[in-house]
Amino acid sequence: METTKTNYVTESHRVTLKCKYLGNSGRITVQRYESNIHGRDPQKITVSWNYALDPSENYAEAVRQYVTRANWSGHWITSTITDGAVAVYAGEVTA
């Protein structure tokens, strides 16, 4: 099953991750944006806000943790939005 998810990301280029800041808890959730349509995201994570980083760095770090946990690879672009951030798959990292 893990291989299927990895191939989906690598081949489709259509996965979007959504990060949401959880207000007073000082935490960020990260999950696939499509999980609203396809059901619960089994890879969904919640990470602590790192006050040493700025908001965009916090969201990028949260996405990195999600991608690592999901055993995905490649380059992800993260952009802040009103209530958090979104990240899109941008391709494989080349040396």
PDB file of N, CA and C in Angstrom:
ATOM      1  N   MET A   1       0.822  -1.193   0.000  1.00  0.00           N
ATOM      2  CA  MET A   1       0.000   0.000   0.000  1.00  0.00           C
ATOM      3  C   MET A   1       0.862   1.250   0.000  1.00  0.00           C
ATOM      4  N   GLU A   2       1.942   1.262   0.758  1.00  0.00           N
ATOM      5  CA  GLU A   2       2.832   2.413   0.811  1.00  0.00           C
ATOM      6  C   GLU A   2       3.392   2.725  -0.579  1.00  0.00           C
ATOM      7  N   THR A   3       3.741   1.669  -1.338  1.00  0.00           N
ATOM      8  CA  THR A   3       4.270   1.858  -2.686  1.00  0.00           C
ATOM      9  C   THR A   3       3.239   2.532  -3.572  1.00  0.00           C
ATOM     10  N   THR A   4       1.981   2.136  -3.442  1.00  0.00           N
ATOM     11  CA  THR A   4       0.922   2.737  -4.243  1.00  0.00           C
ATOM     12  C   THR A   4       0.836   4.230  -3.987  1.00  0.00           C
ATOM     13  N   LYS A   5       0.893   4.636  -2.731  1.00  0.00           N
ATOM     14  CA  LYS A   5       0.829   6.056  -2.399  1.00  0.00           C
ATOM     15  C   LYS A   5       2.022   6.802  -2.971  1.00  0.00           C
ATOM     16  N   THR A   6       3.200   6.219  -2.834  1.00  0.00           N
ATOM     17  CA  THR A   6       4.407   6.857  -3.359  1.00  0.00           C
ATOM     18  C   THR A   6       4.297   7.020  -4.866  1.00  0.00           C
ATOM     19  N   ASN A   7       3.867   5.982  -5.570  1.00  0.00           N
ATOM     20  CA  ASN A   7       3.718   6.069  -7.020  1.00  0.00           C
ATOM     21  C   ASN A   7       2.680   7.105  -7.405  1.00  0.00           C
ATOM     22  N   TYR A   8       1.600   7.186  -6.647  1.00  0.00           N
ATOM     23  CA  TYR A   8       0.563   8.168  -6.939  1.00  0.00           C
ATOM     24  C   TYR A   8       1.142   9.577  -6.898  1.00  0.00           C
ATOM     25  N   VAL A   9       1.915   9.859  -5.882  1.00  0.00           N
ATOM     26  CA  VAL A   9       2.516  11.186  -5.761  1.00  0.00           C
ATOM     27  C   VAL A   9       3.508  11.427  -6.884  1.00  0.00           C
ATOM     28  N   THR A  10       4.381  10.467  -7.132  1.00  0.00           N
ATOM     29  CA  THR A  10       5.432  10.629  -8.120  1.00  0.00           C
ATOM     30  C   THR A  10       4.869  10.773  -9.524  1.00  0.00           C
ATOM     31  N   GLU A  11       3.833   9.994  -9.851  1.00  0.00           N
ATOM     32  CA  GLU A  11       3.334   9.975 -11.218  1.00  0.00           C
ATOM     33  C   GLU A  11       2.239  10.997 -11.504  1.00  0.00           C
ATOM     34  N   SER A  12       1.398  11.296 -10.511  1.00  0.00           N
ATOM     35  CA  SER A  12       0.236  12.131 -10.801  1.00  0.00           C
ATOM     36  C   SER A  12       0.531  13.619 -10.690  1.00  0.00           C
ATOM     37  N   HIS A  13       1.413  13.992  -9.793  1.00  0.00           N
ATOM     38  CA  HIS A  13       1.714  15.408  -9.545  1.00  0.00           C
ATOM     39  C   HIS A  13       0.466  16.185  -9.138  1.00  0.00           C
ATOM     40  N   ARG A  14      -0.500  15.497  -8.524  1.00  0.00           N
ATOM     41  CA  ARG A  14      -1.756  16.156  -8.176  1.00  0.00           C
ATOM     42  C   ARG A  14      -2.048  16.159  -6.681  1.00  0.00           C
ATOM     43  N   VAL A  15      -1.100  15.806  -5.881  1.00  0.00           N
ATOM     44  CA  VAL A  15      -1.332  15.787  -4.446  1.00  0.00           C
ATOM     45  C   VAL A  15      -1.092  17.178  -3.873  1.00  0.00           C
ATOM     46  N   THR A  16      -2.018  17.631  -3.048  1.00  0.00           N
ATOM     47  CA  THR A  16      -1.888  18.896  -2.351  1.00  0.00           C
ATOM     48  C   THR A  16      -2.008  18.626  -0.860  1.00  0.00           C
ATOM     49  N   LEU A  17      -1.121  19.191  -0.087  1.00  0.00           N
ATOM     50  CA  LEU A  17      -1.189  19.071   1.370  1.00  0.00           C
ATOM     51  C   LEU A  17      -1.688  20.386   1.932  1.00  0.00           C
ATOM     52  N   LYS A  18      -2.520  20.300   2.961  1.00  0.00           N
ATOM     53  CA  LYS A  18      -3.023  21.503   3.610  1.00  0.00           C
ATOM     54  C   LYS A  18      -2.550  21.519   5.055  1.00  0.00           C
ATOM     55  N   CYS A  19      -1.981  22.634   5.454  1.00  0.00           N
ATOM     56  CA  CYS A  19      -1.513  22.840   6.831  1.00  0.00           C
ATOM     57  C   CYS A  19      -2.454  23.839   7.484  1.00  0.00           C
ATOM     58  N   LYS A  20      -2.807  23.566   8.716  1.00  0.00           N
ATOM     59  CA  LYS A  20      -3.681  24.486   9.437  1.00  0.00           C
ATOM     60  C   LYS A  20      -3.120  24.726  10.828  1.00  0.00           C
ATOM     61  N   TYR A  21      -2.998  25.998  11.181  1.00  0.00           N
ATOM     62  CA  TYR A  21      -2.539  26.378  12.520  1.00  0.00           C
ATOM     63  C   TYR A  21      -3.711  26.230  13.475  1.00  0.00           C
ATOM     64  N   LEU A  22      -3.495  25.545  14.596  1.00  0.00           N
ATOM     65  CA  LEU A  22      -4.562  25.263  15.546  1.00  0.00           C
ATOM     66  C   LEU A  22      -4.600  26.262  16.699  1.00  0.00           C
ATOM     67  N   GLY A  23      -4.561  27.518  16.388  1.00  0.00           N
ATOM     68  CA  GLY A  23      -4.750  28.594  17.358  1.00  0.00           C
ATOM     69  C   GLY A  23      -4.007  28.465  18.666  1.00  0.00           C
ATOM     70  N   ASN A  24      -4.750  28.470  19.758  1.00  0.00           N
ATOM     71  CA  ASN A  24      -4.162  28.515  21.100  1.00  0.00           C
ATOM     72  C   ASN A  24      -3.328  27.293  21.474  1.00  0.00           C
ATOM     73  N   SER A  25      -3.469  26.185  20.751  1.00  0.00           N
ATOM     74  CA  SER A  25      -2.712  24.974  21.101  1.00  0.00           C
ATOM     75  C   SER A  25      -1.256  25.051  20.655  1.00  0.00           C
ATOM     76  N   GLY A  26      -0.935  25.981  19.739  1.00  0.00           N
ATOM     77  CA  GLY A  26       0.436  26.099  19.246  1.00  0.00           C
ATOM     78  C   GLY A  26       0.862  24.887  18.436  1.00  0.00           C
ATOM     79  N   ARG A  27      -0.066  24.353  17.648  1.00  0.00           N
ATOM     80  CA  ARG A  27       0.211  23.169  16.847  1.00  0.00           C
ATOM     81  C   ARG A  27      -0.259  23.374  15.409  1.00  0.00           C
ATOM     82  N   ILE A  28       0.259  22.549  14.512  1.00  0.00           N
ATOM     83  CA  ILE A  28      -0.092  22.582  13.093  1.00  0.00           C
ATOM     84  C   ILE A  28      -0.541  21.184  12.693  1.00  0.00           C
ATOM     85  N   THR A  29      -1.662  21.075  11.960  1.00  0.00           N
ATOM     86  CA  THR A  29      -2.040  19.791  11.376  1.00  0.00           C
ATOM     87  C   THR A  29      -1.669  19.821   9.899  1.00  0.00           C
ATOM     88  N   VAL A  30      -1.274  18.678   9.384  1.00  0.00           N
ATOM     89  CA  VAL A  30      -0.970  18.532   7.962  1.00  0.00           C
ATOM     90  C   VAL A  30      -1.702  17.296   7.474  1.00  0.00           C
ATOM     91  N   GLN A  31      -2.441  17.451   6.368  1.00  0.00           N
ATOM     92  CA  GLN A  31      -3.111  16.308   5.761  1.00  0.00           C
ATOM     93  C   GLN A  31      -3.306  16.568   4.278  1.00  0.00           C
ATOM     94  N   ARG A  32      -3.607  15.495   3.555  1.00  0.00           N
ATOM     95  CA  ARG A  32      -3.894  15.659   2.132  1.00  0.00           C
ATOM     96  C   ARG A  32      -5.146  16.487   1.980  1.00  0.00           C
ATOM     97  N   TYR A  33      -5.114  17.436   1.089  1.00  0.00           N
ATOM     98  CA  TYR A  33      -6.263  18.297   0.850  1.00  0.00           C
ATOM     99  C   TYR A  33      -7.451  17.479   0.343  1.00  0.00           C
ATOM    100  N   GLU A  34      -7.173  16.457  -0.433  1.00  0.00           N
ATOM    101  CA  GLU A  34      -8.214  15.618  -1.020  1.00  0.00           C
ATOM    102  C   GLU A  34      -8.912  14.741   0.011  1.00  0.00           C
ATOM    103  N   SER A  35      -8.429  14.689   1.256  1.00  0.00           N
ATOM    104  CA  SER A  35      -9.023  13.808   2.260  1.00  0.00           C
ATOM    105  C   SER A  35     -10.463  14.210   2.569  1.00  0.00           C
ATOM    106  N   ASN A  36     -10.827  15.469   2.302  1.00  0.00           N
ATOM    107  CA  ASN A  36     -12.220  15.869   2.474  1.00  0.00           C
ATOM    108  C   ASN A  36     -13.132  15.119   1.507  1.00  0.00           C
ATOM    109  N   ILE A  37     -12.603  14.764   0.360  1.00  0.00           N
ATOM    110  CA  ILE A  37     -13.373  14.062  -0.666  1.00  0.00           C
ATOM    111  C   ILE A  37     -13.245  12.554  -0.498  1.00  0.00           C
ATOM    112  N   HIS A  38     -12.026  12.078  -0.261  1.00  0.00           N
ATOM    113  CA  HIS A  38     -11.751  10.643  -0.252  1.00  0.00           C
ATOM    114  C   HIS A  38     -11.764  10.016   1.135  1.00  0.00           C
ATOM    115  N   GLY A  39     -12.116  10.748   2.155  1.00  0.00           N
ATOM    116  CA  GLY A  39     -12.153  10.191   3.502  1.00  0.00           C
ATOM    117  C   GLY A  39     -10.922  10.555   4.311  1.00  0.00           C
ATOM    118  N   ARG A  40     -10.838   9.982   5.501  1.00  0.00           N
ATOM    119  CA  ARG A  40      -9.773  10.289   6.452  1.00  0.00           C
ATOM    120  C   ARG A  40      -8.393  10.000   5.873  1.00  0.00           C
ATOM    121  N   ASP A  41      -7.470  10.932   6.090  1.00  0.00           N
ATOM    122  CA  ASP A  41      -6.083  10.765   5.644  1.00  0.00           C
ATOM    123  C   ASP A  41      -5.326   9.977   6.702  1.00  0.00           C
ATOM    124  N   PRO A  42      -4.894   8.752   6.405  1.00  0.00           N
ATOM    125  CA  PRO A  42      -4.187   7.950   7.407  1.00  0.00           C
ATOM    126  C   PRO A  42      -2.812   8.506   7.772  1.00  0.00           C
ATOM    127  N   GLN A  43      -2.283   9.412   6.966  1.00  0.00           N
ATOM    128  CA  GLN A  43      -0.967   9.995   7.226  1.00  0.00           C
ATOM    129  C   GLN A  43      -1.054  11.315   7.976  1.00  0.00           C
ATOM    130  N   LYS A  44      -2.260  11.802   8.275  1.00  0.00           N
ATOM    131  CA  LYS A  44      -2.432  13.105   8.932  1.00  0.00           C
ATOM    132  C   LYS A  44      -1.564  13.186  10.184  1.00  0.00           C
ATOM    133  N   ILE A  45      -0.884  14.326  10.337  1.00  0.00           N
ATOM    134  CA  ILE A  45      -0.033  14.519  11.518  1.00  0.00           C
ATOM    135  C   ILE A  45      -0.344  15.862  12.170  1.00  0.00           C
ATOM    136  N   THR A  46       0.021  15.959  13.416  1.00  0.00           N
ATOM    137  CA  THR A  46      -0.043  17.221  14.150  1.00  0.00           C
ATOM    138  C   THR A  46       1.334  17.448  14.749  1.00  0.00           C
ATOM    139  N   VAL A  47       1.909  18.609  14.494  1.00  0.00           N
ATOM    140  CA  VAL A  47       3.249  18.925  15.000  1.00  0.00           C
ATOM    141  C   VAL A  47       3.199  20.210  15.815  1.00  0.00           C
ATOM    142  N   SER A  48       4.130  20.351  16.715  1.00  0.00           N
ATOM    143  CA  SER A  48       4.206  21.551  17.554  1.00  0.00           C
ATOM    144  C   SER A  48       4.789  22.721  16.773  1.00  0.00           C
ATOM    145  N   TRP A  49       4.288  23.899  17.056  1.00  0.00           N
ATOM    146  CA  TRP A  49       4.801  25.138  16.468  1.00  0.00           C
ATOM    147  C   TRP A  49       6.171  25.410  17.061  1.00  0.00           C
ATOM    148  N   ASN A  50       7.143  25.709  16.223  1.00  0.00           N
ATOM    149  CA  ASN A  50       8.484  26.025  16.673  1.00  0.00           C
ATOM    150  C   ASN A  50       8.623  27.552  16.680  1.00  0.00           C
ATOM    151  N   TYR A  51       8.646  28.123  17.867  1.00  0.00           N
ATOM    152  CA  TYR A  51       8.666  29.583  17.988  1.00  0.00           C
ATOM    153  C   TYR A  51       9.987  30.207  17.552  1.00  0.00           C
ATOM    154  N   ALA A  52      11.002  29.400  17.297  1.00  0.00           N
ATOM    155  CA  ALA A  52      12.274  29.907  16.800  1.00  0.00           C
ATOM    156  C   ALA A  52      12.222  30.151  15.280  1.00  0.00           C
ATOM    157  N   LEU A  53      11.192  29.603  14.618  1.00  0.00           N
ATOM    158  CA  LEU A  53      11.050  29.749  13.168  1.00  0.00           C
ATOM    159  C   LEU A  53       9.942  30.739  12.849  1.00  0.00           C
ATOM    160  N   ASP A  54      10.003  31.325  11.645  1.00  0.00           N
ATOM    161  CA  ASP A  54       8.898  32.189  11.222  1.00  0.00           C
ATOM    162  C   ASP A  54       7.764  31.297  10.690  1.00  0.00           C
ATOM    163  N   PRO A  55       6.581  31.855  10.454  1.00  0.00           N
ATOM    164  CA  PRO A  55       5.448  31.018  10.042  1.00  0.00           C
ATOM    165  C   PRO A  55       5.691  30.173   8.798  1.00  0.00           C
ATOM    166  N   SER A  56       6.276  30.753   7.752  1.00  0.00           N
ATOM    167  CA  SER A  56       6.496  29.972   6.530  1.00  0.00           C
ATOM    168  C   SER A  56       7.468  28.821   6.776  1.00  0.00           C
ATOM    169  N   GLU A  57       8.480  29.039   7.614  1.00  0.00           N
ATOM    170  CA  GLU A  57       9.420  27.963   7.949  1.00  0.00           C
ATOM    171  C   GLU A  57       8.738  26.875   8.774  1.00  0.00           C
ATOM    172  N   ASN A  58       7.824  27.261   9.664  1.00  0.00           N
ATOM    173  CA  ASN A  58       7.083  26.286  10.451  1.00  0.00           C
ATOM    174  C   ASN A  58       6.246  25.382   9.553  1.00  0.00           C
ATOM    175  N   TYR A  59       5.548  25.972   8.594  1.00  0.00           N
ATOM    176  CA  TYR A  59       4.721  25.175   7.690  1.00  0.00           C
ATOM    177  C   TYR A  59       5.576  24.273   6.807  1.00  0.00           C
ATOM    178  N   ALA A  60       6.688  24.793   6.308  1.00  0.00           N
ATOM    179  CA  ALA A  60       7.589  23.979   5.484  1.00  0.00           C
ATOM    180  C   ALA A  60       8.132  22.799   6.282  1.00  0.00           C
ATOM    181  N   GLU A  61       8.470  23.014   7.539  1.00  0.00           N
ATOM    182  CA  GLU A  61       8.967  21.930   8.398  1.00  0.00           C
ATOM    183  C   GLU A  61       7.869  20.899   8.658  1.00  0.00           C
ATOM    184  N   ALA A  62       6.645  21.353   8.864  1.00  0.00           N
ATOM    185  CA  ALA A  62       5.526  20.434   9.076  1.00  0.00           C
ATOM    186  C   ALA A  62       5.301  19.570   7.831  1.00  0.00           C
ATOM    187  N   VAL A  63       5.386  20.181   6.655  1.00  0.00           N
ATOM    188  CA  VAL A  63       5.243  19.429   5.400  1.00  0.00           C
ATOM    189  C   VAL A  63       6.379  18.416   5.267  1.00  0.00           C
ATOM    190  N   ARG A  64       7.606  18.826   5.593  1.00  0.00           N
ATOM    191  CA  ARG A  64       8.741  17.899   5.524  1.00  0.00           C
ATOM    192  C   ARG A  64       8.496  16.684   6.418  1.00  0.00           C
ATOM    193  N   GLN A  65       7.983  16.921   7.621  1.00  0.00           N
ATOM    194  CA  GLN A  65       7.698  15.806   8.526  1.00  0.00           C
ATOM    195  C   GLN A  65       6.614  14.893   7.966  1.00  0.00           C
ATOM    196  N   TYR A  66       5.578  15.466   7.355  1.00  0.00           N
ATOM    197  CA  TYR A  66       4.509  14.665   6.751  1.00  0.00           C
ATOM    198  C   TYR A  66       5.067  13.806   5.621  1.00  0.00           C
ATOM    199  N   VAL A  67       5.818  14.436   4.719  1.00  0.00           N
ATOM    200  CA  VAL A  67       6.372  13.726   3.561  1.00  0.00           C
ATOM    201  C   VAL A  67       7.308  12.604   4.010  1.00  0.00           C
ATOM    202  N   THR A  68       8.122  12.864   5.024  1.00  0.00           N
ATOM    203  CA  THR A  68       9.025  11.842   5.556  1.00  0.00           C
ATOM    204  C   THR A  68       8.236  10.680   6.142  1.00  0.00           C
ATOM    205  N   ARG A  69       7.217  10.995   6.923  1.00  0.00           N
ATOM    206  CA  ARG A  69       6.400   9.936   7.534  1.00  0.00           C
ATOM    207  C   ARG A  69       5.672   9.111   6.479  1.00  0.00           C
ATOM    208  N   ALA A  70       5.211   9.759   5.406  1.00  0.00           N
ATOM    209  CA  ALA A  70       4.501   9.064   4.333  1.00  0.00           C
ATOM    210  C   ALA A  70       5.457   8.299   3.415  1.00  0.00           C
ATOM    211  N   ASN A  71       6.765   8.465   3.641  1.00  0.00           N
ATOM    212  CA  ASN A  71       7.788   7.808   2.829  1.00  0.00           C
ATOM    213  C   ASN A  71       7.724   8.273   1.371  1.00  0.00           C
ATOM    214  N   TRP A  72       7.449   9.562   1.183  1.00  0.00           N
ATOM    215  CA  TRP A  72       7.433  10.161  -0.132  1.00  0.00           C
ATOM    216  C   TRP A  72       8.749  10.884  -0.343  1.00  0.00           C
ATOM    217  N   SER A  73       9.014  11.249  -1.581  1.00  0.00           N
ATOM    218  CA  SER A  73      10.250  11.970  -1.872  1.00  0.00           C
ATOM    219  C   SER A  73       9.921  13.143  -2.785  1.00  0.00           C
ATOM    220  N   GLY A  74      10.944  13.839  -3.215  1.00  0.00           N
ATOM    221  CA  GLY A  74      10.754  14.921  -4.160  1.00  0.00           C
ATOM    222  C   GLY A  74      10.751  16.292  -3.508  1.00  0.00           C
ATOM    223  N   HIS A  75      10.559  17.276  -4.336  1.00  0.00           N
ATOM    224  CA  HIS A  75      10.564  18.679  -3.916  1.00  0.00           C
ATOM    225  C   HIS A  75       9.126  19.153  -3.748  1.00  0.00           C
ATOM    226  N   TRP A  76       8.840  19.765  -2.604  1.00  0.00           N
ATOM    227  CA  TRP A  76       7.507  20.284  -2.304  1.00  0.00           C
ATOM    228  C   TRP A  76       7.591  21.787  -2.125  1.00  0.00           C
ATOM    229  N   ILE A  77       6.662  22.519  -2.716  1.00  0.00           N
ATOM    230  CA  ILE A  77       6.614  23.966  -2.574  1.00  0.00           C
ATOM    231  C   ILE A  77       5.487  24.302  -1.600  1.00  0.00           C
ATOM    232  N   THR A  78       5.820  25.058  -0.571  1.00  0.00           N
ATOM    233  CA  THR A  78       4.854  25.438   0.458  1.00  0.00           C
ATOM    234  C   THR A  78       4.590  26.936   0.371  1.00  0.00           C
ATOM    235  N   SER A  79       3.311  27.296   0.440  1.00  0.00           N
ATOM    236  CA  SER A  79       2.929  28.700   0.381  1.00  0.00           C
ATOM    237  C   SER A  79       1.884  28.976   1.457  1.00  0.00           C
ATOM    238  N   THR A  80       2.061  30.078   2.181  1.00  0.00           N
ATOM    239  CA  THR A  80       1.105  30.406   3.230  1.00  0.00           C
ATOM    240  C   THR A  80      -0.190  30.953   2.626  1.00  0.00           C
ATOM    241  N   ILE A  81      -1.292  30.667   3.321  1.00  0.00           N
ATOM    242  CA  ILE A  81      -2.611  31.173   2.965  1.00  0.00           C
ATOM    243  C   ILE A  81      -3.223  31.757   4.238  1.00  0.00           C
ATOM    244  N   THR A  82      -4.438  32.246   4.174  1.00  0.00           N
ATOM    245  CA  THR A  82      -5.066  32.931   5.301  1.00  0.00           C
ATOM    246  C   THR A  82      -5.056  32.115   6.585  1.00  0.00           C
ATOM    247  N   ASP A  83      -5.447  30.842   6.522  1.00  0.00           N
ATOM    248  CA  ASP A  83      -5.580  30.044   7.741  1.00  0.00           C
ATOM    249  C   ASP A  83      -4.516  28.959   7.879  1.00  0.00           C
ATOM    250  N   GLY A  84      -3.390  29.100   7.183  1.00  0.00           N
ATOM    251  CA  GLY A  84      -2.336  28.096   7.274  1.00  0.00           C
ATOM    252  C   GLY A  84      -1.431  28.135   6.059  1.00  0.00           C
ATOM    253  N   ALA A  85      -1.318  26.970   5.392  1.00  0.00           N
ATOM    254  CA  ALA A  85      -0.469  26.878   4.207  1.00  0.00           C
ATOM    255  C   ALA A  85      -0.910  25.699   3.354  1.00  0.00           C
ATOM    256  N   VAL A  86      -0.506  25.712   2.099  1.00  0.00           N
ATOM    257  CA  VAL A  86      -0.688  24.572   1.211  1.00  0.00           C
ATOM    258  C   VAL A  86       0.672  24.208   0.647  1.00  0.00           C
ATOM    259  N   ALA A  87       0.820  22.928   0.315  1.00  0.00           N
ATOM    260  CA  ALA A  87       2.065  22.455  -0.295  1.00  0.00           C
ATOM    261  C   ALA A  87       1.709  21.587  -1.492  1.00  0.00           C
ATOM    262  N   VAL A  88       2.442  21.765  -2.568  1.00  0.00           N
ATOM    263  CA  VAL A  88       2.228  20.969  -3.770  1.00  0.00           C
ATOM    264  C   VAL A  88       3.521  20.284  -4.164  1.00  0.00           C
ATOM    265  N   TYR A  89       3.367  19.110  -4.753  1.00  0.00           N
ATOM    266  CA  TYR A  89       4.509  18.343  -5.236  1.00  0.00           C
ATOM    267  C   TYR A  89       5.051  19.019  -6.484  1.00  0.00           C
ATOM    268  N   ALA A  90       6.350  19.292  -6.505  1.00  0.00           N
ATOM    269  CA  ALA A  90       6.958  20.007  -7.623  1.00  0.00           C
ATOM    270  C   ALA A  90       7.921  19.152  -8.430  1.00  0.00           C
ATOM    271  N   GLY A  91       8.121  17.904  -8.074  1.00  0.00           N
ATOM    272  CA  GLY A  91       8.997  17.026  -8.848  1.00  0.00           C
ATOM    273  C   GLY A  91      10.084  16.414  -7.999  1.00  0.00           C
ATOM    274  N   GLU A  92      10.815  15.531  -8.616  1.00  0.00           N
ATOM    275  CA  GLU A  92      11.914  14.860  -7.938  1.00  0.00           C
ATOM    276  C   GLU A  92      13.102  15.804  -7.806  1.00  0.00           C
ATOM    277  N   VAL A  93      13.815  15.643  -6.724  1.00  0.00           N
ATOM    278  CA  VAL A  93      15.025  16.428  -6.488  1.00  0.00           C
ATOM    279  C   VAL A  93      16.124  15.871  -7.369  1.00  0.00           C
ATOM    280  N   THR A  94      16.820  16.743  -8.079  1.00  0.00           N
ATOM    281  CA  THR A  94      17.939  16.285  -8.904  1.00  0.00           C
ATOM    282  C   THR A  94      19.227  16.847  -8.343  1.00  0.00           C
ATOM    283  N   ALA A  95      20.281  16.068  -8.466  1.00  0.00           N
ATOM    284  CA  ALA A  95      21.570  16.482  -7.907  1.00  0.00           C
ATOM    285  C   ALA A  95      22.271  17.478  -8.782  1.00  0.00           C
TER     286      ALA A  95
END
